[in-house]
N, C-alpha and C. Protein backbone atom coordinates (compact mmCIF):
# COMPACT_ATOMS: atom_id res chain seq x y z
N UNK A 1 37.89 56.71 -4.49
CA UNK A 1 36.57 56.13 -4.29
C UNK A 1 35.73 56.35 -5.55
N UNK A 2 35.03 55.31 -5.95
CA UNK A 2 34.17 55.39 -7.12
C UNK A 2 32.86 56.09 -6.77
N UNK A 3 32.28 56.81 -7.73
CA UNK A 3 30.99 57.44 -7.48
C UNK A 3 29.92 56.37 -7.23
N UNK A 4 28.92 56.67 -6.39
CA UNK A 4 27.87 55.69 -6.07
C UNK A 4 27.15 55.11 -7.28
N UNK A 5 26.81 55.90 -8.33
CA UNK A 5 26.14 55.26 -9.48
C UNK A 5 27.02 54.20 -10.15
N UNK A 6 28.31 54.44 -10.21
CA UNK A 6 29.22 53.47 -10.81
C UNK A 6 29.33 52.22 -9.94
N UNK A 7 29.33 52.41 -8.63
CA UNK A 7 29.33 51.26 -7.72
C UNK A 7 28.09 50.41 -7.90
N UNK A 8 26.93 51.07 -8.07
CA UNK A 8 25.68 50.33 -8.29
C UNK A 8 25.74 49.54 -9.60
N UNK A 9 26.28 50.16 -10.64
CA UNK A 9 26.40 49.45 -11.92
C UNK A 9 27.32 48.24 -11.80
N UNK A 10 28.42 48.41 -11.11
CA UNK A 10 29.35 47.30 -10.92
C UNK A 10 28.71 46.19 -10.09
N UNK A 11 27.99 46.57 -9.05
CA UNK A 11 27.33 45.57 -8.20
C UNK A 11 26.25 44.83 -8.97
N UNK A 12 25.52 45.55 -9.81
CA UNK A 12 24.47 44.90 -10.60
C UNK A 12 25.07 43.93 -11.61
N UNK A 13 26.24 44.26 -12.12
CA UNK A 13 26.90 43.38 -13.08
C UNK A 13 27.45 42.12 -12.45
N UNK A 14 27.62 42.13 -11.14
CA UNK A 14 28.15 40.96 -10.45
C UNK A 14 27.07 39.95 -10.11
N UNK A 15 25.84 40.36 -10.24
CA UNK A 15 24.75 39.44 -9.92
C UNK A 15 24.76 38.29 -10.92
N UNK A 16 24.69 37.10 -10.39
CA UNK A 16 24.76 35.91 -11.24
C UNK A 16 23.57 35.01 -10.94
N UNK A 17 22.83 34.69 -11.96
CA UNK A 17 21.73 33.75 -11.81
C UNK A 17 22.22 32.36 -12.17
N UNK A 18 21.84 31.37 -11.38
CA UNK A 18 22.23 30.00 -11.77
C UNK A 18 21.47 29.61 -13.03
N UNK A 19 22.11 28.85 -13.89
CA UNK A 19 21.42 28.44 -15.12
C UNK A 19 20.23 27.56 -14.78
N UNK A 20 19.16 27.79 -15.51
CA UNK A 20 17.96 26.98 -15.28
C UNK A 20 18.17 25.60 -15.89
N UNK A 21 17.66 24.61 -15.18
CA UNK A 21 17.80 23.24 -15.66
C UNK A 21 16.99 23.07 -16.94
N UNK A 22 17.57 22.40 -17.88
CA UNK A 22 16.86 22.15 -19.13
C UNK A 22 15.74 21.15 -18.87
N UNK A 23 14.58 21.51 -19.30
CA UNK A 23 13.43 20.62 -19.11
C UNK A 23 13.54 19.47 -20.11
N UNK A 24 13.23 18.25 -19.67
CA UNK A 24 13.27 17.14 -20.61
C UNK A 24 12.28 17.34 -21.75
N UNK A 25 12.63 16.82 -22.88
CA UNK A 25 11.76 16.95 -24.04
C UNK A 25 10.83 15.74 -24.10
N UNK A 26 9.60 15.89 -23.61
CA UNK A 26 8.72 14.73 -23.61
C UNK A 26 8.40 14.25 -25.02
N UNK A 27 8.40 15.15 -25.98
CA UNK A 27 8.09 14.74 -27.35
C UNK A 27 9.18 13.81 -27.89
N UNK A 28 10.44 14.07 -27.53
CA UNK A 28 11.53 13.22 -28.00
C UNK A 28 11.41 11.82 -27.41
N UNK A 29 11.13 11.73 -26.11
CA UNK A 29 10.99 10.43 -25.45
C UNK A 29 9.78 9.69 -26.01
N UNK A 30 8.66 10.39 -26.14
CA UNK A 30 7.45 9.74 -26.64
C UNK A 30 7.63 9.26 -28.08
N UNK A 31 8.27 10.07 -28.91
CA UNK A 31 8.52 9.66 -30.29
C UNK A 31 9.43 8.44 -30.34
N UNK A 32 10.43 8.41 -29.47
CA UNK A 32 11.34 7.26 -29.44
C UNK A 32 10.63 6.03 -28.90
N UNK A 33 9.74 6.19 -27.94
CA UNK A 33 8.96 5.05 -27.44
C UNK A 33 8.14 4.43 -28.56
N UNK A 34 7.57 5.28 -29.41
CA UNK A 34 6.78 4.78 -30.55
C UNK A 34 7.67 4.01 -31.52
N UNK A 35 8.87 4.54 -31.81
CA UNK A 35 9.79 3.82 -32.71
C UNK A 35 10.26 2.51 -32.10
N UNK A 36 10.48 2.51 -30.79
CA UNK A 36 10.96 1.30 -30.11
C UNK A 36 9.88 0.23 -30.05
N UNK A 37 8.63 0.62 -30.15
CA UNK A 37 7.54 -0.35 -30.08
C UNK A 37 7.29 -1.04 -31.42
N UNK A 38 7.81 -0.49 -32.50
CA UNK A 38 7.60 -1.07 -33.83
C UNK A 38 8.45 -2.32 -34.01
N UNK A 39 7.86 -3.36 -34.60
CA UNK A 39 8.62 -4.56 -34.92
C UNK A 39 9.49 -4.30 -36.14
N UNK A 40 10.60 -4.98 -36.19
CA UNK A 40 11.51 -4.83 -37.32
C UNK A 40 12.92 -5.19 -36.91
N UNK A 41 13.82 -5.24 -37.88
CA UNK A 41 15.19 -5.65 -37.58
C UNK A 41 15.95 -4.64 -36.71
N UNK A 42 15.49 -3.39 -36.66
CA UNK A 42 16.19 -2.37 -35.87
C UNK A 42 15.51 -2.08 -34.54
N UNK A 43 14.61 -2.94 -34.12
CA UNK A 43 13.87 -2.69 -32.87
C UNK A 43 14.81 -2.57 -31.67
N UNK A 44 15.79 -3.45 -31.57
CA UNK A 44 16.73 -3.40 -30.44
C UNK A 44 17.51 -2.09 -30.44
N UNK A 45 17.91 -1.63 -31.61
CA UNK A 45 18.61 -0.35 -31.71
C UNK A 45 17.73 0.79 -31.20
N UNK A 46 16.46 0.78 -31.60
CA UNK A 46 15.55 1.84 -31.16
C UNK A 46 15.30 1.78 -29.65
N UNK A 47 15.27 0.58 -29.09
CA UNK A 47 15.10 0.44 -27.64
C UNK A 47 16.33 0.97 -26.91
N UNK A 48 17.52 0.70 -27.44
CA UNK A 48 18.75 1.23 -26.83
C UNK A 48 18.78 2.75 -26.93
N UNK A 49 18.32 3.30 -28.05
CA UNK A 49 18.24 4.76 -28.17
C UNK A 49 17.28 5.34 -27.14
N UNK A 50 16.16 4.66 -26.92
CA UNK A 50 15.21 5.11 -25.90
C UNK A 50 15.89 5.14 -24.53
N UNK A 51 16.66 4.12 -24.22
CA UNK A 51 17.38 4.08 -22.94
C UNK A 51 18.37 5.23 -22.85
N UNK A 52 19.05 5.53 -23.94
CA UNK A 52 20.00 6.63 -23.96
C UNK A 52 19.31 7.97 -23.71
N UNK A 53 18.18 8.18 -24.38
CA UNK A 53 17.42 9.42 -24.17
C UNK A 53 16.93 9.51 -22.73
N UNK A 54 16.46 8.40 -22.19
CA UNK A 54 15.94 8.40 -20.82
C UNK A 54 17.06 8.70 -19.82
N UNK A 55 18.23 8.13 -20.02
CA UNK A 55 19.36 8.44 -19.14
C UNK A 55 19.75 9.91 -19.24
N UNK A 56 19.75 10.44 -20.46
CA UNK A 56 20.12 11.85 -20.65
C UNK A 56 19.11 12.79 -19.99
N UNK A 57 17.85 12.36 -19.95
CA UNK A 57 16.80 13.19 -19.35
C UNK A 57 16.59 12.89 -17.87
N UNK A 58 17.43 12.02 -17.29
CA UNK A 58 17.33 11.74 -15.86
C UNK A 58 16.17 10.84 -15.48
N UNK A 59 15.83 9.89 -16.34
CA UNK A 59 14.73 8.96 -16.07
C UNK A 59 15.28 7.54 -16.01
N UNK A 60 15.86 7.13 -14.87
CA UNK A 60 16.49 5.81 -14.80
C UNK A 60 15.49 4.65 -14.89
N UNK A 61 14.24 4.85 -14.49
CA UNK A 61 13.26 3.77 -14.57
C UNK A 61 12.96 3.39 -16.01
N UNK A 62 12.73 4.39 -16.86
CA UNK A 62 12.50 4.12 -18.28
C UNK A 62 13.74 3.52 -18.91
N UNK A 63 14.91 4.01 -18.53
CA UNK A 63 16.16 3.48 -19.08
C UNK A 63 16.34 2.01 -18.71
N UNK A 64 16.06 1.68 -17.45
CA UNK A 64 16.20 0.28 -17.02
C UNK A 64 15.23 -0.63 -17.76
N UNK A 65 13.99 -0.19 -17.89
CA UNK A 65 12.99 -0.99 -18.61
C UNK A 65 13.43 -1.22 -20.05
N UNK A 66 13.90 -0.17 -20.70
CA UNK A 66 14.34 -0.29 -22.09
C UNK A 66 15.56 -1.20 -22.22
N UNK A 67 16.53 -1.03 -21.33
CA UNK A 67 17.73 -1.86 -21.41
C UNK A 67 17.42 -3.33 -21.11
N UNK A 68 16.48 -3.58 -20.21
CA UNK A 68 16.08 -4.98 -19.96
C UNK A 68 15.52 -5.61 -21.23
N UNK A 69 14.78 -4.83 -22.02
CA UNK A 69 14.25 -5.35 -23.29
C UNK A 69 15.37 -5.57 -24.31
N UNK A 70 16.36 -4.70 -24.29
CA UNK A 70 17.39 -4.74 -25.33
C UNK A 70 18.44 -5.82 -25.10
N UNK A 71 18.76 -6.13 -23.84
CA UNK A 71 19.90 -7.02 -23.62
C UNK A 71 19.61 -8.47 -24.01
N UNK A 72 18.37 -8.87 -24.06
CA UNK A 72 18.06 -10.24 -24.48
C UNK A 72 18.62 -10.57 -25.85
N UNK A 73 18.21 -9.83 -26.88
CA UNK A 73 18.77 -10.08 -28.21
C UNK A 73 20.28 -9.80 -28.29
N UNK A 74 20.76 -8.86 -27.50
CA UNK A 74 22.18 -8.52 -27.56
C UNK A 74 23.06 -9.59 -26.91
N UNK A 75 22.50 -10.41 -26.02
CA UNK A 75 23.29 -11.44 -25.35
C UNK A 75 23.46 -12.69 -26.19
N UNK A 76 22.92 -12.71 -27.38
CA UNK A 76 23.07 -13.86 -28.26
C UNK A 76 24.46 -13.80 -28.88
N UNK A 77 25.40 -14.55 -28.29
CA UNK A 77 26.79 -14.53 -28.75
C UNK A 77 27.08 -15.63 -29.77
N UNK A 78 26.04 -16.36 -30.20
CA UNK A 78 26.26 -17.44 -31.17
C UNK A 78 26.59 -16.87 -32.54
N UNK A 79 27.21 -17.66 -33.35
CA UNK A 79 27.62 -17.22 -34.69
C UNK A 79 26.79 -17.89 -35.77
N UNK A 80 25.59 -18.37 -35.44
CA UNK A 80 24.83 -19.11 -36.44
C UNK A 80 24.31 -18.23 -37.58
N UNK A 81 24.31 -16.93 -37.42
CA UNK A 81 23.85 -16.05 -38.47
C UNK A 81 24.95 -15.55 -39.38
N UNK A 82 26.14 -16.14 -39.28
CA UNK A 82 27.26 -15.65 -40.09
C UNK A 82 27.02 -15.82 -41.58
N UNK A 83 26.44 -16.95 -41.99
CA UNK A 83 26.18 -17.14 -43.42
C UNK A 83 25.17 -16.11 -43.91
N UNK A 84 24.13 -15.89 -43.12
CA UNK A 84 23.14 -14.90 -43.51
C UNK A 84 23.76 -13.51 -43.56
N UNK A 85 24.71 -13.26 -42.67
CA UNK A 85 25.39 -11.97 -42.66
C UNK A 85 26.23 -11.78 -43.92
N UNK A 86 26.77 -12.87 -44.43
CA UNK A 86 27.61 -12.76 -45.62
C UNK A 86 26.79 -12.64 -46.90
N UNK A 87 25.66 -13.37 -46.98
CA UNK A 87 24.89 -13.37 -48.22
C UNK A 87 23.60 -12.58 -48.14
N UNK A 88 23.09 -12.32 -46.96
CA UNK A 88 21.83 -11.61 -46.82
C UNK A 88 21.99 -10.12 -46.98
N UNK A 89 20.86 -9.47 -47.22
CA UNK A 89 20.91 -8.01 -47.34
C UNK A 89 20.90 -7.37 -45.96
N UNK A 90 21.35 -6.14 -45.89
CA UNK A 90 21.40 -5.42 -44.62
C UNK A 90 20.00 -5.23 -44.03
N UNK A 91 19.00 -5.10 -44.87
CA UNK A 91 17.64 -4.85 -44.38
C UNK A 91 17.06 -6.03 -43.61
N UNK A 92 17.53 -7.24 -43.91
CA UNK A 92 16.97 -8.42 -43.25
C UNK A 92 17.70 -8.78 -41.97
N UNK A 93 18.81 -8.13 -41.69
CA UNK A 93 19.60 -8.47 -40.50
C UNK A 93 19.05 -7.78 -39.27
N UNK A 94 18.97 -8.55 -38.19
CA UNK A 94 18.54 -7.98 -36.92
C UNK A 94 19.72 -7.28 -36.27
N UNK A 95 19.51 -6.06 -35.80
CA UNK A 95 20.58 -5.30 -35.14
C UNK A 95 20.78 -5.86 -33.75
N UNK A 96 22.01 -6.26 -33.46
CA UNK A 96 22.35 -6.76 -32.12
C UNK A 96 23.46 -5.95 -31.49
N UNK A 97 24.03 -5.03 -32.23
CA UNK A 97 25.06 -4.16 -31.69
C UNK A 97 26.46 -4.70 -31.89
N UNK A 98 27.39 -3.78 -31.98
CA UNK A 98 28.80 -4.13 -32.01
C UNK A 98 29.25 -4.46 -30.59
N UNK A 99 30.41 -5.09 -30.44
CA UNK A 99 30.86 -5.45 -29.09
C UNK A 99 30.87 -4.27 -28.10
N UNK A 100 31.32 -3.10 -28.54
CA UNK A 100 31.36 -1.97 -27.60
C UNK A 100 29.96 -1.48 -27.25
N UNK A 101 29.02 -1.59 -28.20
CA UNK A 101 27.63 -1.21 -27.90
C UNK A 101 27.00 -2.18 -26.91
N UNK A 102 27.31 -3.46 -27.09
CA UNK A 102 26.83 -4.46 -26.13
C UNK A 102 27.42 -4.21 -24.75
N UNK A 103 28.74 -3.96 -24.71
CA UNK A 103 29.40 -3.71 -23.43
C UNK A 103 28.74 -2.55 -22.69
N UNK A 104 28.48 -1.48 -23.40
CA UNK A 104 27.90 -0.30 -22.75
C UNK A 104 26.48 -0.56 -22.29
N UNK A 105 25.68 -1.26 -23.09
CA UNK A 105 24.30 -1.56 -22.68
C UNK A 105 24.30 -2.44 -21.44
N UNK A 106 25.14 -3.47 -21.43
CA UNK A 106 25.21 -4.36 -20.26
C UNK A 106 25.69 -3.59 -19.03
N UNK A 107 26.67 -2.73 -19.23
CA UNK A 107 27.24 -1.98 -18.10
C UNK A 107 26.24 -0.98 -17.54
N UNK A 108 25.58 -0.23 -18.42
CA UNK A 108 24.58 0.73 -17.93
C UNK A 108 23.47 0.01 -17.17
N UNK A 109 22.99 -1.09 -17.72
CA UNK A 109 21.94 -1.83 -17.02
C UNK A 109 22.47 -2.37 -15.70
N UNK A 110 23.70 -2.84 -15.68
CA UNK A 110 24.28 -3.33 -14.44
C UNK A 110 24.34 -2.27 -13.36
N UNK A 111 24.75 -1.06 -13.72
CA UNK A 111 24.80 0.02 -12.73
C UNK A 111 23.39 0.40 -12.26
N UNK A 112 22.42 0.41 -13.18
CA UNK A 112 21.05 0.72 -12.78
C UNK A 112 20.49 -0.36 -11.85
N UNK A 113 20.81 -1.62 -12.14
CA UNK A 113 20.34 -2.72 -11.29
C UNK A 113 21.01 -2.66 -9.92
N UNK A 114 22.29 -2.37 -9.89
CA UNK A 114 22.99 -2.26 -8.61
C UNK A 114 22.41 -1.12 -7.78
N UNK A 115 22.11 -0.02 -8.43
CA UNK A 115 21.51 1.12 -7.73
C UNK A 115 20.15 0.74 -7.15
N UNK A 116 19.43 -0.13 -7.86
CA UNK A 116 18.13 -0.59 -7.39
C UNK A 116 18.19 -1.75 -6.41
N UNK A 117 19.39 -2.25 -6.11
CA UNK A 117 19.55 -3.32 -5.14
C UNK A 117 19.52 -4.73 -5.71
N UNK A 118 19.44 -4.87 -7.03
CA UNK A 118 19.42 -6.19 -7.67
C UNK A 118 20.85 -6.60 -7.98
N UNK A 119 21.57 -7.05 -6.94
CA UNK A 119 23.00 -7.33 -7.07
C UNK A 119 23.28 -8.54 -7.96
N UNK A 120 22.45 -9.56 -7.91
CA UNK A 120 22.69 -10.75 -8.71
C UNK A 120 22.66 -10.46 -10.20
N UNK A 121 21.65 -9.73 -10.64
CA UNK A 121 21.57 -9.39 -12.06
C UNK A 121 22.61 -8.35 -12.45
N UNK A 122 22.98 -7.48 -11.52
CA UNK A 122 24.05 -6.51 -11.80
C UNK A 122 25.37 -7.25 -12.05
N UNK A 123 25.62 -8.29 -11.26
CA UNK A 123 26.82 -9.10 -11.46
C UNK A 123 26.78 -9.81 -12.80
N UNK A 124 25.61 -10.32 -13.16
CA UNK A 124 25.46 -10.99 -14.46
C UNK A 124 25.72 -10.01 -15.61
N UNK A 125 25.26 -8.78 -15.47
CA UNK A 125 25.49 -7.78 -16.52
C UNK A 125 26.97 -7.42 -16.62
N UNK A 126 27.68 -7.38 -15.49
CA UNK A 126 29.12 -7.09 -15.55
C UNK A 126 29.84 -8.22 -16.28
N UNK A 127 29.44 -9.45 -16.01
CA UNK A 127 30.07 -10.59 -16.69
C UNK A 127 29.73 -10.60 -18.18
N UNK A 128 28.50 -10.21 -18.53
CA UNK A 128 28.13 -10.13 -19.95
C UNK A 128 28.94 -9.04 -20.66
N UNK A 129 29.18 -7.93 -19.97
CA UNK A 129 29.99 -6.85 -20.57
C UNK A 129 31.41 -7.33 -20.82
N UNK A 130 31.97 -8.07 -19.87
CA UNK A 130 33.32 -8.60 -20.03
C UNK A 130 33.37 -9.61 -21.18
N UNK A 131 32.35 -10.46 -21.26
CA UNK A 131 32.28 -11.43 -22.35
C UNK A 131 32.14 -10.74 -23.70
N UNK A 132 31.34 -9.68 -23.75
CA UNK A 132 31.18 -8.95 -25.01
C UNK A 132 32.50 -8.31 -25.43
N UNK A 133 33.32 -7.92 -24.47
CA UNK A 133 34.61 -7.31 -24.80
C UNK A 133 35.61 -8.35 -25.28
N UNK A 134 35.64 -9.52 -24.64
CA UNK A 134 36.61 -10.54 -25.04
C UNK A 134 36.17 -11.28 -26.28
N UNK A 135 34.87 -11.43 -26.47
CA UNK A 135 34.35 -12.14 -27.62
C UNK A 135 34.23 -13.63 -27.41
N UNK A 136 34.79 -14.17 -26.34
CA UNK A 136 34.71 -15.60 -26.07
C UNK A 136 34.86 -15.84 -24.58
N UNK A 137 34.23 -16.89 -24.10
CA UNK A 137 34.35 -17.22 -22.67
C UNK A 137 35.63 -18.02 -22.39
N UNK A 138 36.36 -18.42 -23.45
CA UNK A 138 37.60 -19.18 -23.25
C UNK A 138 38.73 -18.30 -22.74
N UNK A 139 38.64 -16.99 -22.96
CA UNK A 139 39.68 -16.07 -22.52
C UNK A 139 39.08 -14.97 -21.66
N UNK A 140 38.65 -15.31 -20.44
CA UNK A 140 37.94 -14.31 -19.63
C UNK A 140 38.81 -13.15 -19.16
N UNK A 141 40.11 -13.26 -19.22
CA UNK A 141 40.98 -12.19 -18.73
C UNK A 141 41.58 -11.36 -19.86
N UNK A 142 41.04 -11.50 -21.05
CA UNK A 142 41.53 -10.73 -22.19
C UNK A 142 40.81 -9.38 -22.31
N UNK A 143 39.82 -9.18 -21.50
CA UNK A 143 39.05 -7.94 -21.56
C UNK A 143 39.86 -6.77 -21.01
N UNK A 144 39.68 -5.62 -21.63
CA UNK A 144 40.34 -4.41 -21.13
C UNK A 144 39.32 -3.32 -20.81
N UNK A 145 38.07 -3.70 -20.65
CA UNK A 145 37.01 -2.75 -20.35
C UNK A 145 36.92 -2.58 -18.83
N UNK A 146 37.68 -1.64 -18.32
CA UNK A 146 37.82 -1.46 -16.87
C UNK A 146 36.50 -1.17 -16.17
N UNK A 147 35.59 -0.48 -16.85
CA UNK A 147 34.31 -0.12 -16.21
C UNK A 147 33.52 -1.35 -15.81
N UNK A 148 33.57 -2.40 -16.62
CA UNK A 148 32.87 -3.64 -16.26
C UNK A 148 33.49 -4.28 -15.02
N UNK A 149 34.80 -4.20 -14.91
CA UNK A 149 35.46 -4.74 -13.72
C UNK A 149 35.16 -3.89 -12.49
N UNK A 150 35.03 -2.59 -12.68
CA UNK A 150 34.64 -1.71 -11.56
C UNK A 150 33.23 -2.08 -11.09
N UNK A 151 32.32 -2.29 -12.04
CA UNK A 151 30.96 -2.70 -11.68
C UNK A 151 30.99 -4.02 -10.91
N UNK A 152 31.77 -4.97 -11.41
CA UNK A 152 31.87 -6.26 -10.74
C UNK A 152 32.43 -6.10 -9.32
N UNK A 153 33.42 -5.26 -9.16
CA UNK A 153 34.00 -5.01 -7.84
C UNK A 153 32.98 -4.38 -6.90
N UNK A 154 32.21 -3.42 -7.40
CA UNK A 154 31.18 -2.78 -6.58
C UNK A 154 30.12 -3.78 -6.14
N UNK A 155 29.75 -4.69 -7.04
CA UNK A 155 28.75 -5.71 -6.69
C UNK A 155 29.31 -6.63 -5.61
N UNK A 156 30.53 -7.14 -5.82
CA UNK A 156 31.12 -8.03 -4.82
C UNK A 156 31.30 -7.32 -3.48
N UNK A 157 31.66 -6.05 -3.52
CA UNK A 157 31.80 -5.28 -2.28
C UNK A 157 30.44 -5.14 -1.59
N UNK A 158 29.40 -4.92 -2.37
CA UNK A 158 28.06 -4.79 -1.81
C UNK A 158 27.56 -6.12 -1.25
N UNK A 159 27.97 -7.22 -1.88
CA UNK A 159 27.57 -8.54 -1.39
C UNK A 159 28.28 -8.90 -0.09
N UNK A 160 29.44 -8.31 0.13
CA UNK A 160 30.18 -8.54 1.38
C UNK A 160 31.22 -9.53 1.22
């Protein structure tokens, strides 16, 4: 049998406090909101960053609002800016995201919309994510982004 003082020390060492939840950094969100409000070629990028910060801090309403602003320019799948992309400087180009960045923005917004009950727009976002992955609407089954198909399945299941 262990002496009582040693038992007390062992028992005290077994006490475990749950980790405290990290408080969101309001200064980070507010600073990003200010950057996202500025006009310029990187505005869409800053809005997507704001959505990312909001999701990380557990603020889906701010994330949804930001993603709704960002997906408009990102859904422009036309290639009319290719000449400007070849001869123009990087500073004059509007950021619209790479295909995987577009896919993720559309998918995150789709899940947020589905959670909010907006099934029609959630379905549209899943289709936009699939289109961003394939690069063309002529080959709709060339996509390998399973998460977009999962979102689409959840929407159709919710629709009945």
